[in-house]
Amino acid sequence: MPDHAGVMGIGIGYTSDGVRNELFFDRTTSALLGEESVAVVNDPSGYDVPAGTVIDWADYLASGIVNSL
């Protein structure tokens, strides 16, 4: 499945408190490509959104090793 940047990967998800949390991984390197949270019930955990609505998401376009924060 694609992340929000359109990169194809493998998606893994879990549901907690009416929200499905999904992680997207690169098929070759297993690097985390992105994540999103989707409402699976109406008004989950105080959000005023219908089921199926993407509540938040993030794409990770670059990563690397650095010497400091």
Protein backbone atom coordinates (compact mmCIF):
# COMPACT_ATOMS: atom_id res chain seq x y z
CA MET A 1 0.00 0.00 0.00
CA PRO A 2 1.23 3.55 -0.63
CA ASP A 3 2.08 6.11 2.03
CA HIS A 4 0.96 9.73 1.66
CA ALA A 5 4.01 10.50 -0.50
CA GLY A 6 2.96 7.73 -2.91
CA VAL A 7 5.79 5.34 -2.00
CA MET A 8 4.67 1.70 -2.08
CA GLY A 9 5.40 -0.33 1.01
CA ILE A 10 4.04 -2.89 3.42
CA GLY A 11 1.41 -1.67 5.87
CA ILE A 12 0.92 -2.98 9.39
CA GLY A 13 -1.80 -1.71 11.69
CA TYR A 14 -3.39 -2.10 15.09
CA THR A 15 -6.59 -0.67 16.57
CA SER A 16 -6.86 0.97 19.97
CA ASP A 17 -9.60 3.20 21.44
CA GLY A 18 -11.47 3.50 18.14
CA VAL A 19 -8.40 4.50 16.12
CA ARG A 20 -6.46 2.29 13.68
CA ASN A 21 -2.75 3.13 13.77
CA GLU A 22 -0.89 2.14 10.59
CA LEU A 23 2.85 1.93 9.91
CA PHE A 24 4.30 1.76 6.37
CA PHE A 25 7.63 0.00 5.75
CA ASP A 26 9.93 -0.21 2.72
CA ARG A 27 9.69 -3.72 1.22
CA THR A 28 13.44 -3.96 0.61
CA THR A 29 15.10 -2.23 3.56
CA SER A 30 12.32 -2.42 6.21
CA ALA A 31 12.84 1.32 6.83
CA LEU A 32 9.83 3.14 8.27
CA LEU A 33 8.28 5.20 5.44
CA GLY A 34 5.36 6.74 7.29
CA GLU A 35 2.46 6.34 9.68
CA GLU A 36 -1.16 7.40 9.98
CA SER A 37 -4.11 7.22 12.37
CA VAL A 38 -7.62 6.50 11.04
CA ALA A 39 -10.92 6.70 12.94
CA VAL A 40 -12.68 3.31 12.88
CA VAL A 41 -15.75 4.40 14.87
CA ASN A 42 -17.63 7.69 14.87
CA ASP A 43 -16.15 10.17 17.37
CA PRO A 44 -13.20 8.03 18.66
CA SER A 45 -11.54 9.28 21.84
CA GLY A 46 -13.16 12.72 21.63
CA TYR A 47 -12.39 13.48 17.97
CA ASP A 48 -15.44 14.87 16.18
CA VAL A 49 -14.91 12.89 12.95
CA PRO A 50 -16.76 10.09 11.13
CA ALA A 51 -15.32 6.58 10.83
CA GLY A 52 -12.77 6.31 8.00
CA THR A 53 -11.33 9.78 8.50
CA VAL A 54 -7.52 10.10 8.60
CA ILE A 55 -6.85 11.90 11.89
CA ASP A 56 -3.12 12.47 11.40
CA TRP A 57 -0.21 11.20 9.35
CA ALA A 58 3.52 11.58 8.82
CA ASP A 59 5.90 10.60 6.01
CA TYR A 60 9.58 10.01 6.68
CA LEU A 61 11.38 11.09 3.51
CA ALA A 62 14.98 10.88 4.76
CA SER A 63 16.89 9.34 7.62
CA GLY A 64 20.51 8.90 8.54
CA ILE A 65 23.13 8.62 11.24
CA VAL A 66 24.37 11.86 12.76
CA ASN A 67 27.02 12.80 15.34
CA SER A 68 24.68 14.78 17.60
CA LEU A 69 21.09 15.87 18.15
